[in-house]
Amino acid sequence: MDRFESMKKRRTYYDINDNVSIEAEKIIKTIEKAVELTPDAFNMQSSRAVIVLDKEQKRLWDVIENSFNGMVPAEKIESFRKGYGTVLYFIDEPTVEALQKQFELYADNFPIWAQQANGMAQYNVWVALRELDLGASLQHYNPVIDADVKKEFNIPETWKLVAQMPFGAIGSEPDDKELMPIAERVIVKK
């Protein structure tokens, strides 16, 4: 599969399940490599990922559901709980703060650059999972779930939760996506 085909196949999959035929170790290594190869400003390496699988996957979404105390529809949470796993994305704040001190002229930009790098890591993992024929979606239940997730999964307090990516076998394909004309999004000056 070429790069653009991989990017095109990366979609938001809500209908996922845990009927995955790929070995967990291959999925883990793919996610690790995607995070490792993601570039960031000043080689900051502030992105962190926690991969939650098997019974811990179910427990994660139980924690998230309990954090919202009924404010999120149970069927929506269940659609993510049914997946094979979830990647939790974090930013290690001490890493960012250290570079802010080291390079004071750029201090205000390091949190922005950390978010950009984390977003690239999310995207790289998302495309890599799709290349394994797995579907995923990107969720943002933080900051409501932050304290509960950190407590339940022993996550360092200095890691800031950015997003959650439930993934699994594809139950059904999403509807076609409507795209704006590219000329409205990309301007070329010669």
C-alpha atoms as a PDB file:
ATOM      1  CA  MET A   1       0.000   0.000   0.000  1.00  0.00           C
ATOM      2  CA  ASP A   2       1.477   3.377  -0.944  1.00  0.00           C
ATOM      3  CA  ARG A   3       1.518   6.393   1.383  1.00  0.00           C
ATOM      4  CA  PHE A   4      -1.533   8.164  -0.039  1.00  0.00           C
ATOM      5  CA  GLU A   5      -3.573   4.974  -0.127  1.00  0.00           C
ATOM      6  CA  SER A   6      -2.706   4.413   3.550  1.00  0.00           C
ATOM      7  CA  MET A   7      -3.718   7.978   4.366  1.00  0.00           C
ATOM      8  CA  LYS A   8      -6.972   7.591   2.434  1.00  0.00           C
ATOM      9  CA  LYS A   9      -7.848   4.352   4.251  1.00  0.00           C
ATOM     10  CA  ARG A  10      -7.275   5.971   7.645  1.00  0.00           C
ATOM     11  CA  ARG A  11     -10.772   6.878   8.723  1.00  0.00           C
ATOM     12  CA  THR A  12     -12.742   7.246  11.928  1.00  0.00           C
ATOM     13  CA  TYR A  13     -13.992   3.757  12.734  1.00  0.00           C
ATOM     14  CA  TYR A  14     -16.627   3.546  15.450  1.00  0.00           C
ATOM     15  CA  ASP A  15     -17.766   0.010  14.661  1.00  0.00           C
ATOM     16  CA  ILE A  16     -14.799  -1.942  16.014  1.00  0.00           C
ATOM     17  CA  ASN A  17     -14.493  -5.191  17.933  1.00  0.00           C
ATOM     18  CA  ASP A  18     -11.914  -7.409  19.618  1.00  0.00           C
ATOM     19  CA  ASN A  19     -11.955 -10.154  16.955  1.00  0.00           C
ATOM     20  CA  VAL A  20      -8.382  -9.364  15.914  1.00  0.00           C
ATOM     21  CA  SER A  21      -6.241 -12.009  14.194  1.00  0.00           C
ATOM     22  CA  ILE A  22      -2.961 -10.093  14.490  1.00  0.00           C
ATOM     23  CA  GLU A  23      -0.704 -10.965  17.407  1.00  0.00           C
ATOM     24  CA  ALA A  24      -0.653  -8.376  20.186  1.00  0.00           C
ATOM     25  CA  GLU A  25       3.131  -8.154  19.979  1.00  0.00           C
ATOM     26  CA  LYS A  26       2.970  -7.044  16.321  1.00  0.00           C
ATOM     27  CA  ILE A  27       0.443  -4.339  17.190  1.00  0.00           C
ATOM     28  CA  ILE A  28       2.569  -3.165  20.127  1.00  0.00           C
ATOM     29  CA  LYS A  29       5.749  -3.048  18.023  1.00  0.00           C
ATOM     30  CA  THR A  30       3.917  -1.127  15.273  1.00  0.00           C
ATOM     31  CA  ILE A  31       2.677   1.490  17.745  1.00  0.00           C
ATOM     32  CA  GLU A  32       6.101   1.760  19.367  1.00  0.00           C
ATOM     33  CA  LYS A  33       7.813   2.266  15.991  1.00  0.00           C
ATOM     34  CA  ALA A  34       5.260   4.885  14.885  1.00  0.00           C
ATOM     35  CA  VAL A  35       5.802   6.871  18.095  1.00  0.00           C
ATOM     36  CA  GLU A  36       9.577   6.453  17.922  1.00  0.00           C
ATOM     37  CA  LEU A  37       9.813   7.732  14.337  1.00  0.00           C
ATOM     38  CA  THR A  38       7.594  10.778  14.866  1.00  0.00           C
ATOM     39  CA  PRO A  39       9.627  13.984  14.628  1.00  0.00           C
ATOM     40  CA  ASP A  40       9.398  16.835  17.097  1.00  0.00           C
ATOM     41  CA  ALA A  41      11.000  20.222  17.669  1.00  0.00           C
ATOM     42  CA  PHE A  42      14.448  20.167  19.261  1.00  0.00           C
ATOM     43  CA  ASN A  43      14.192  16.359  19.422  1.00  0.00           C
ATOM     44  CA  MET A  44      12.012  16.984  22.477  1.00  0.00           C
ATOM     45  CA  GLN A  45      10.527  13.473  22.653  1.00  0.00           C
ATOM     46  CA  SER A  46       7.749  14.620  24.988  1.00  0.00           C
ATOM     47  CA  SER A  47       5.054  12.298  23.589  1.00  0.00           C
ATOM     48  CA  ARG A  48       4.103   9.290  25.677  1.00  0.00           C
ATOM     49  CA  ALA A  49       1.738   6.468  24.781  1.00  0.00           C
ATOM     50  CA  VAL A  50       0.109   3.856  26.979  1.00  0.00           C
ATOM     51  CA  ILE A  51      -1.280   0.823  25.139  1.00  0.00           C
ATOM     52  CA  VAL A  52      -4.212  -0.794  26.929  1.00  0.00           C
ATOM     53  CA  LEU A  53      -5.272  -4.296  25.794  1.00  0.00           C
ATOM     54  CA  ASP A  54      -7.451  -7.246  26.789  1.00  0.00           C
ATOM     55  CA  LYS A  55      -9.199  -7.005  30.157  1.00  0.00           C
ATOM     56  CA  GLU A  56      -7.455  -3.689  30.811  1.00  0.00           C
ATOM     57  CA  GLN A  57      -9.159  -2.314  27.663  1.00  0.00           C
ATOM     58  CA  LYS A  58     -12.549  -3.128  29.163  1.00  0.00           C
ATOM     59  CA  ARG A  59     -11.516  -1.701  32.533  1.00  0.00           C
ATOM     60  CA  LEU A  60     -10.312   1.551  30.909  1.00  0.00           C
ATOM     61  CA  TRP A  61     -13.702   2.200  29.340  1.00  0.00           C
ATOM     62  CA  ASP A  62     -15.420   1.247  32.611  1.00  0.00           C
ATOM     63  CA  VAL A  63     -13.319   3.929  34.311  1.00  0.00           C
ATOM     64  CA  ILE A  64     -14.170   6.448  31.595  1.00  0.00           C
ATOM     65  CA  GLU A  65     -17.875   5.633  31.803  1.00  0.00           C
ATOM     66  CA  ASN A  66     -17.815   6.004  35.597  1.00  0.00           C
ATOM     67  CA  SER A  67     -15.935   9.308  35.313  1.00  0.00           C
ATOM     68  CA  PHE A  68     -18.844  10.748  33.333  1.00  0.00           C
ATOM     69  CA  ASN A  69     -21.508   9.310  35.635  1.00  0.00           C
ATOM     70  CA  GLY A  70     -24.056   8.874  32.831  1.00  0.00           C
ATOM     71  CA  MET A  71     -23.339  12.135  30.984  1.00  0.00           C
ATOM     72  CA  VAL A  72     -22.057  10.222  27.927  1.00  0.00           C
ATOM     73  CA  PRO A  73     -24.463   7.714  26.343  1.00  0.00           C
ATOM     74  CA  ALA A  74     -23.648   4.168  27.452  1.00  0.00           C
ATOM     75  CA  GLU A  75     -23.849   2.863  23.874  1.00  0.00           C
ATOM     76  CA  LYS A  76     -21.122   5.282  22.777  1.00  0.00           C
ATOM     77  CA  ILE A  77     -18.781   4.118  25.541  1.00  0.00           C
ATOM     78  CA  GLU A  78     -19.702   0.508  24.758  1.00  0.00           C
ATOM     79  CA  SER A  79     -18.667   0.990  21.115  1.00  0.00           C
ATOM     80  CA  PHE A  80     -15.141   1.795  22.331  1.00  0.00           C
ATOM     81  CA  ARG A  81     -15.127  -0.861  25.082  1.00  0.00           C
ATOM     82  CA  LYS A  82     -15.815  -3.511  22.398  1.00  0.00           C
ATOM     83  CA  GLY A  83     -12.501  -2.710  20.719  1.00  0.00           C
ATOM     84  CA  TYR A  84      -9.302  -4.683  21.021  1.00  0.00           C
ATOM     85  CA  GLY A  85      -7.313  -1.904  22.650  1.00  0.00           C
ATOM     86  CA  THR A  86      -6.843   1.788  23.240  1.00  0.00           C
ATOM     87  CA  VAL A  87      -3.793   3.984  22.898  1.00  0.00           C
ATOM     88  CA  LEU A  88      -3.700   6.758  25.491  1.00  0.00           C
ATOM     89  CA  TYR A  89      -1.622   9.745  24.380  1.00  0.00           C
ATOM     90  CA  PHE A  90       0.180  11.953  26.887  1.00  0.00           C
ATOM     91  CA  ILE A  91       2.692  14.787  26.981  1.00  0.00           C
ATOM     92  CA  ASP A  92       5.459  14.537  29.564  1.00  0.00           C
ATOM     93  CA  GLU A  93       5.352  18.032  31.021  1.00  0.00           C
ATOM     94  CA  PRO A  94       8.799  17.978  32.722  1.00  0.00           C
ATOM     95  CA  THR A  95      10.386  17.296  29.320  1.00  0.00           C
ATOM     96  CA  VAL A  96       8.675  20.387  27.914  1.00  0.00           C
ATOM     97  CA  GLU A  97       9.549  22.492  30.962  1.00  0.00           C
ATOM     98  CA  ALA A  98      13.223  21.493  30.797  1.00  0.00           C
ATOM     99  CA  LEU A  99      13.480  22.741  27.220  1.00  0.00           C
ATOM    100  CA  GLN A 100      11.635  25.932  28.120  1.00  0.00           C
ATOM    101  CA  LYS A 101      14.361  26.628  30.691  1.00  0.00           C
ATOM    102  CA  GLN A 102      17.166  25.604  28.358  1.00  0.00           C
ATOM    103  CA  PHE A 103      15.921  27.706  25.427  1.00  0.00           C
ATOM    104  CA  GLU A 104      14.186  30.690  27.038  1.00  0.00           C
ATOM    105  CA  LEU A 105      13.739  32.563  23.747  1.00  0.00           C
ATOM    106  CA  TYR A 106      11.413  29.777  22.582  1.00  0.00           C
ATOM    107  CA  ALA A 107       9.805  29.016  25.953  1.00  0.00           C
ATOM    108  CA  ASP A 108       6.263  29.915  24.895  1.00  0.00           C
ATOM    109  CA  ASN A 109       6.477  27.661  21.853  1.00  0.00           C
ATOM    110  CA  PHE A 110       7.512  24.389  23.498  1.00  0.00           C
ATOM    111  CA  PRO A 111       3.994  23.497  24.734  1.00  0.00           C
ATOM    112  CA  ILE A 112       2.671  24.212  21.221  1.00  0.00           C
ATOM    113  CA  TRP A 113       5.398  22.130  19.629  1.00  0.00           C
ATOM    114  CA  ALA A 114       4.744  19.302  22.093  1.00  0.00           C
ATOM    115  CA  GLN A 115       1.056  19.294  21.053  1.00  0.00           C
ATOM    116  CA  GLN A 116       2.047  19.281  17.385  1.00  0.00           C
ATOM    117  CA  ALA A 117       4.413  16.348  17.884  1.00  0.00           C
ATOM    118  CA  ASN A 118       1.777  14.469  19.857  1.00  0.00           C
ATOM    119  CA  GLY A 119      -0.719  15.041  17.057  1.00  0.00           C
ATOM    120  CA  MET A 120       1.777  13.689  14.537  1.00  0.00           C
ATOM    121  CA  ALA A 121       2.335  10.619  16.727  1.00  0.00           C
ATOM    122  CA  GLN A 122      -1.420  10.084  16.909  1.00  0.00           C
ATOM    123  CA  TYR A 123      -1.708  10.321  13.150  1.00  0.00           C
ATOM    124  CA  ASN A 124       1.271   8.047  12.520  1.00  0.00           C
ATOM    125  CA  VAL A 125      -0.147   5.398  14.852  1.00  0.00           C
ATOM    126  CA  TRP A 126      -3.604   5.756  13.283  1.00  0.00           C
ATOM    127  CA  VAL A 127      -2.250   5.186   9.770  1.00  0.00           C
ATOM    128  CA  ALA A 128      -0.026   2.321  10.973  1.00  0.00           C
ATOM    129  CA  LEU A 129      -2.976   0.605  12.652  1.00  0.00           C
ATOM    130  CA  ARG A 130      -4.987   0.921   9.447  1.00  0.00           C
ATOM    131  CA  GLU A 131      -2.114  -0.665   7.524  1.00  0.00           C
ATOM    132  CA  LEU A 132      -2.602  -3.653   9.866  1.00  0.00           C
ATOM    133  CA  ASP A 133      -6.278  -3.678   8.765  1.00  0.00           C
ATOM    134  CA  LEU A 134      -7.392  -2.304  12.113  1.00  0.00           C
ATOM    135  CA  GLY A 135      -9.827   0.553  12.540  1.00  0.00           C
ATOM    136  CA  ALA A 136      -9.471   3.349  15.092  1.00  0.00           C
ATOM    137  CA  SER A 137     -10.928   6.664  16.150  1.00  0.00           C
ATOM    138  CA  LEU A 138      -9.548   9.577  18.125  1.00  0.00           C
ATOM    139  CA  GLN A 139     -11.449  10.535  21.260  1.00  0.00           C
ATOM    140  CA  HIS A 140     -11.065  13.439  23.674  1.00  0.00           C
ATOM    141  CA  TYR A 141     -12.642  12.618  27.024  1.00  0.00           C
ATOM    142  CA  ASN A 142      -9.927  14.495  28.861  1.00  0.00           C
ATOM    143  CA  PRO A 143      -9.744  16.423  31.171  1.00  0.00           C
ATOM    144  CA  VAL A 144     -12.835  14.838  32.771  1.00  0.00           C
ATOM    145  CA  ILE A 145     -11.172  11.403  32.937  1.00  0.00           C
ATOM    146  CA  ASP A 146      -7.599  12.481  33.714  1.00  0.00           C
ATOM    147  CA  ALA A 147      -7.442  11.884  37.466  1.00  0.00           C
ATOM    148  CA  ASP A 148      -9.344   8.587  37.340  1.00  0.00           C
ATOM    149  CA  VAL A 149      -7.264   7.177  34.478  1.00  0.00           C
ATOM    150  CA  LYS A 150      -3.980   8.214  36.111  1.00  0.00           C
ATOM    151  CA  LYS A 151      -5.023   6.635  39.397  1.00  0.00           C
ATOM    152  CA  GLU A 152      -6.381   3.380  37.945  1.00  0.00           C
ATOM    153  CA  PHE A 153      -3.462   2.800  35.582  1.00  0.00           C
ATOM    154  CA  ASN A 154      -0.628   4.207  37.680  1.00  0.00           C
ATOM    155  CA  ILE A 155       0.232   6.978  35.207  1.00  0.00           C
ATOM    156  CA  PRO A 156       2.726   9.632  36.372  1.00  0.00           C
ATOM    157  CA  GLU A 157       1.079  12.842  37.538  1.00  0.00           C
ATOM    158  CA  THR A 158       3.441  14.805  35.290  1.00  0.00           C
ATOM    159  CA  TRP A 159       1.967  13.245  32.142  1.00  0.00           C
ATOM    160  CA  LYS A 160      -0.830  15.317  30.613  1.00  0.00           C
ATOM    161  CA  LEU A 161      -3.520  13.253  28.860  1.00  0.00           C
ATOM    162  CA  VAL A 162      -4.166  14.506  25.333  1.00  0.00           C
ATOM    163  CA  ALA A 163      -6.331  11.895  23.570  1.00  0.00           C
ATOM    164  CA  GLN A 164      -7.590   8.337  23.502  1.00  0.00           C
ATOM    165  CA  MET A 165      -7.533   6.070  20.426  1.00  0.00           C
ATOM    166  CA  PRO A 166      -9.702   2.955  20.699  1.00  0.00           C
ATOM    167  CA  PHE A 167      -8.912   0.422  17.972  1.00  0.00           C
ATOM    168  CA  GLY A 168      -9.902  -3.035  16.830  1.00  0.00           C
ATOM    169  CA  ALA A 169     -11.124  -5.210  14.014  1.00  0.00           C
ATOM    170  CA  ILE A 170     -13.362  -3.342  11.601  1.00  0.00           C
ATOM    171  CA  GLY A 171     -17.040  -4.191  11.949  1.00  0.00           C
ATOM    172  CA  SER A 172     -18.225  -1.919   9.160  1.00  0.00           C
ATOM    173  CA  GLU A 173     -16.850   0.815   6.939  1.00  0.00           C
ATOM    174  CA  PRO A 174     -17.714   4.445   7.712  1.00  0.00           C
ATOM    175  CA  ASP A 175     -19.766   6.524   5.293  1.00  0.00           C
ATOM    176  CA  ASP A 176     -17.926   8.404   2.573  1.00  0.00           C
ATOM    177  CA  LYS A 177     -16.370  11.626   3.735  1.00  0.00           C
ATOM    178  CA  GLU A 178     -17.285  14.918   2.070  1.00  0.00           C
ATOM    179  CA  LEU A 179     -14.176  16.864   1.117  1.00  0.00           C
ATOM    180  CA  MET A 180     -13.884  20.563   0.376  1.00  0.00           C
ATOM    181  CA  PRO A 181     -12.322  21.461  -2.959  1.00  0.00           C
ATOM    182  CA  ILE A 182      -8.570  21.317  -2.398  1.00  0.00           C
ATOM    183  CA  ALA A 183      -8.126  24.751  -4.019  1.00  0.00           C
ATOM    184  CA  GLU A 184      -9.995  26.220  -1.039  1.00  0.00           C
ATOM    185  CA  ARG A 185      -7.531  24.633   1.366  1.00  0.00           C
ATOM    186  CA  VAL A 186      -4.197  24.844  -0.434  1.00  0.00           C
ATOM    187  CA  ILE A 187      -3.045  27.989  -2.227  1.00  0.00           C
ATOM    188  CA  VAL A 188      -0.057  27.850  -4.555  1.00  0.00           C
ATOM    189  CA  LYS A 189       2.026  30.968  -5.297  1.00  0.00           C
ATOM    190  CA  LYS A 190       4.508  30.827  -8.180  1.00  0.00           C
END
